[in-house]
Protein backbone atom coordinates (compact mmCIF):
# COMPACT_ATOMS: atom_id res chain seq x y z
CA PHE A 1 -112.81 21.42 -16.78
CA MET A 2 -113.38 23.57 -13.73
CA THR A 3 -110.62 21.79 -11.77
CA GLU A 4 -108.22 22.44 -14.64
CA MET A 5 -109.26 26.09 -14.78
CA THR A 6 -109.08 26.80 -11.05
CA VAL A 7 -106.74 24.24 -9.46
CA ASN A 8 -104.39 22.52 -11.93
CA ARG A 9 -103.95 25.50 -14.30
CA SER A 10 -101.71 23.43 -16.62
CA ARG A 11 -102.01 25.95 -19.44
CA ASP A 12 -101.02 28.91 -17.26
CA LYS A 13 -98.11 26.99 -15.75
CA ALA A 14 -96.91 25.99 -19.22
CA VAL A 15 -97.10 29.61 -20.39
CA GLU A 16 -95.18 30.76 -17.30
CA GLY A 17 -92.55 28.10 -17.98
CA LEU A 18 -92.19 29.25 -21.58
CA HIS A 19 -91.77 32.86 -20.42
CA GLU A 20 -88.88 31.76 -18.18
CA LEU A 21 -87.06 30.38 -21.21
CA ASP A 22 -84.92 32.60 -23.38
CA ILE A 23 -87.54 33.16 -26.07
CA THR A 24 -87.67 35.95 -28.63
CA ASN A 25 -90.33 38.67 -28.71
CA GLU A 26 -91.87 37.10 -31.80
CA GLU A 27 -92.07 33.71 -30.06
CA ASN A 28 -93.59 35.41 -27.01
CA ASP A 29 -96.19 37.07 -29.25
CA LEU A 30 -97.16 33.67 -30.65
CA ILE A 31 -97.56 32.29 -27.12
CA GLU A 32 -99.70 35.25 -26.13
CA GLU A 33 -101.79 34.87 -29.29
CA ALA A 34 -102.38 31.17 -28.54
CA LYS A 35 -103.28 32.06 -24.93
CA ALA A 36 -105.74 34.73 -26.08
CA GLN A 37 -107.35 32.23 -28.47
CA SER A 38 -107.45 29.69 -25.63
CA ASP A 39 -109.26 32.27 -23.48
CA GLU A 40 -111.85 32.61 -26.25
CA LEU A 41 -112.26 28.84 -26.28
CA ILE A 42 -112.78 28.89 -22.51
CA HIS A 43 -115.66 31.33 -22.96
CA LEU A 44 -117.16 28.99 -25.55
CA GLU A 45 -116.81 26.04 -23.15
CA GLU A 46 -118.35 28.04 -20.32
CA ARG A 47 -121.34 28.79 -22.57
CA ALA A 48 -121.60 25.05 -23.34
CA PHE A 49 -121.59 24.22 -19.60
CA ALA A 50 -124.24 26.86 -18.97
CA ALA A 51 -126.42 25.45 -21.75
CA GLY A 52 -125.96 21.94 -20.38
CA GLU A 53 -126.86 23.03 -16.85
CA ALA A 54 -129.96 24.75 -18.25
CA GLY A 55 -130.95 21.46 -19.85
CA ASN A 56 -130.35 22.57 -23.41
CA LEU A 57 -128.08 19.69 -24.46
CA ARG A 58 -128.54 20.34 -28.18
CA VAL A 59 -127.01 23.83 -27.87
CA ALA A 60 -124.27 22.52 -25.54
CA THR A 61 -123.38 19.77 -28.01
CA GLU A 62 -123.37 22.19 -30.94
CA LEU A 63 -121.06 24.54 -29.03
CA VAL A 64 -118.56 21.79 -28.14
CA TYR A 65 -118.67 19.79 -31.39
CA GLY A 66 -119.63 22.47 -33.87
CA PRO A 67 -117.58 24.48 -36.37
CA ALA A 68 -117.03 27.34 -33.90
CA TYR A 69 -115.25 25.00 -31.49
CA LEU A 70 -113.10 23.46 -34.23
CA ALA A 71 -112.21 26.91 -35.56
CA ALA A 72 -111.26 27.99 -32.02
CA LEU A 73 -109.00 24.94 -31.67
CA ASP A 74 -107.34 25.71 -35.01
CA SER A 75 -106.79 29.31 -33.93
CA ILE A 76 -104.93 28.00 -30.85
CA TYR A 77 -102.85 25.34 -32.60
CA GLY A 78 -101.78 27.65 -35.46
CA PRO A 79 -99.66 29.96 -33.26
CA ILE A 80 -98.44 26.99 -31.22
CA ASP A 81 -97.23 25.23 -34.37
CA GLN A 82 -95.55 28.45 -35.56
CA PHE A 83 -93.92 28.82 -32.14
CA ARG A 84 -92.62 25.25 -32.28
CA GLU A 85 -91.25 25.74 -35.79
CA GLN A 86 -89.52 29.00 -34.90
CA LEU A 87 -88.09 27.52 -31.71
CA ARG A 88 -86.93 24.40 -33.57
CA ALA A 89 -85.21 26.53 -36.24
CA ARG A 90 -83.57 28.79 -33.64
CA LEU A 91 -82.36 25.82 -31.60
CA ALA A 92 -81.04 24.14 -34.76
CA GLN A 93 -79.02 27.30 -35.48
CA ALA A 94 -77.72 27.31 -31.91
CA VAL A 95 -76.74 23.65 -32.20
CA GLU A 96 -74.97 24.33 -35.50
CA LEU A 97 -73.09 27.26 -33.98
CA ALA A 98 -72.11 25.17 -30.95
CA HIS A 99 -70.99 22.37 -33.28
CA ARG A 100 -68.80 24.77 -35.29
CA ARG A 101 -67.33 26.20 -32.08
CA ALA A 102 -66.61 22.71 -30.78
CA GLN A 103 -64.91 21.79 -34.06
CA TRP A 104 -62.84 24.97 -33.94
CA ALA A 105 -61.89 24.28 -30.32
CA GLY A 106 -60.92 20.72 -31.27
CA TRP A 107 -58.67 21.94 -34.09
CA LEU A 108 -57.17 24.58 -31.79
CA ALA A 109 -56.50 21.94 -29.14
CA ARG A 110 -54.86 19.66 -31.71
CA GLY A 111 -52.73 22.55 -32.96
CA LEU A 112 -51.67 23.41 -29.43
CA VAL A 113 -50.79 19.79 -28.74
CA VAL A 114 -48.66 19.66 -31.90
CA ALA A 115 -47.00 22.98 -31.00
CA ASN A 116 -46.36 21.72 -27.50
CA MET A 117 -44.85 18.49 -28.83
CA ALA A 118 -42.63 20.45 -31.23
CA THR A 119 -41.49 22.72 -28.41
CA VAL A 120 -40.73 19.79 -26.12
CA LEU A 121 -38.88 17.96 -28.87
CA GLY A 122 -36.94 21.09 -29.81
CA VAL A 123 -35.91 21.77 -26.22
CA PHE A 124 -35.10 18.11 -25.71
CA MET A 125 -32.98 17.99 -28.84
CA LEU A 126 -31.10 21.15 -27.84
CA PHE A 127 -30.48 19.79 -24.38
CA TYR A 128 -29.67 16.29 -25.61
CA ARG A 129 -27.29 17.58 -28.24
CA ARG A 130 -25.46 19.95 -25.88
CA ARG A 131 -25.34 17.68 -22.83
CA VAL A 132 -25.00 14.23 -24.38
CA ILE A 133 -24.13 14.08 -28.07
CA GLN A 134 -21.41 16.76 -28.20
CA PRO A 135 -19.58 15.48 -25.10
CA LEU A 136 -19.73 11.88 -26.36
CA LEU A 137 -18.42 12.93 -29.78
CA ALA A 138 -15.54 14.80 -28.11
CA LEU A 139 -14.70 11.79 -25.95
CA ASP A 140 -14.94 9.54 -28.99
CA ALA A 141 -12.50 11.77 -30.89
CA CYS A 142 -10.14 11.69 -27.93
CA LEU A 143 -10.33 7.92 -27.67
CA LEU A 144 -9.80 7.49 -31.42
CA GLY A 145 -6.80 9.81 -31.19
CA GLN A 146 -5.42 7.77 -28.33
CA LEU A 147 -5.95 4.51 -30.16
CA SER A 148 -4.28 5.85 -33.29
CA GLY A 149 -1.18 6.47 -31.22
CA GLN A 150 -1.11 10.23 -31.39
CA GLY A 151 0.05 10.33 -27.78
CA ASP A 152 -1.15 13.01 -25.39
CA ASN A 153 -4.50 14.22 -26.63
CA PRO A 154 -5.62 17.51 -25.14
CA ALA A 155 -9.11 16.95 -26.55
CA ILE A 156 -10.29 15.12 -23.44
CA ARG A 157 -13.12 17.28 -22.14
CA TYR A 158 -15.92 17.13 -19.62
CA PRO A 159 -13.98 15.50 -16.83
CA ASP A 160 -15.48 17.89 -14.26
CA GLY A 161 -19.17 17.16 -14.94
CA ASP A 162 -21.28 15.56 -12.21
CA ASP A 163 -23.09 13.31 -14.63
CA GLU A 164 -22.30 10.11 -16.50
CA ILE A 165 -20.49 12.02 -19.27
CA GLY A 166 -18.16 13.57 -16.67
CA ASP A 167 -17.53 10.12 -15.17
CA LEU A 168 -16.73 8.75 -18.62
CA GLY A 169 -14.40 11.70 -19.34
CA ARG A 170 -12.55 11.23 -16.03
CA SER A 171 -12.24 7.51 -16.67
CA LEU A 172 -10.84 8.16 -20.14
CA LYS A 173 -8.42 10.76 -18.77
CA ALA A 174 -7.29 8.30 -16.08
CA PHE A 175 -6.89 5.64 -18.77
CA VAL A 176 -4.76 7.97 -20.88
CA GLN A 177 -2.63 8.91 -17.88
CA MET A 178 -2.20 5.25 -16.97
CA GLU A 179 -1.19 4.44 -20.53
CA GLU A 180 1.38 7.27 -20.48
CA ARG A 181 2.94 5.90 -17.29
CA ILE A 182 3.17 2.46 -18.76
CA MET A 183 4.83 3.65 -21.89
């Protein structure tokens, strides 16, 4: 008992640790109330040690195992239990809030991913349509015109591009010119 009171000081260290946490004033009051009741119990235990040292074991036993001691213990555990319940409820609210925020962030992230995909697809389709589909359709129309025998078809476009469509347009133009020479 004396080693706990003077050296280990587990109770005091626990109270200091609780004060370092982000606790409310009401929770702090409960801790202080339990500590004050614990101090009263210490006085009762000191009286029991004094009675035991004086050889009065009956009084020492009554002090440690009697109704006063049990009432003192209850007066300590009551505020501690209230503190635990309040802390548990507050932490449950914090967990619920964090859960809702995480869900909201997840939905926001999903929405941003969908928006990003739509943007990429939109830009890709605009680029693909302008740089691939339209030139190929124009070359196809030119080739169909040439095959139908309409002669010189001014619809041959994109022969100056540096990509595959430009190469295809130049090849088609060269083909048309070659065909005109042969005919």
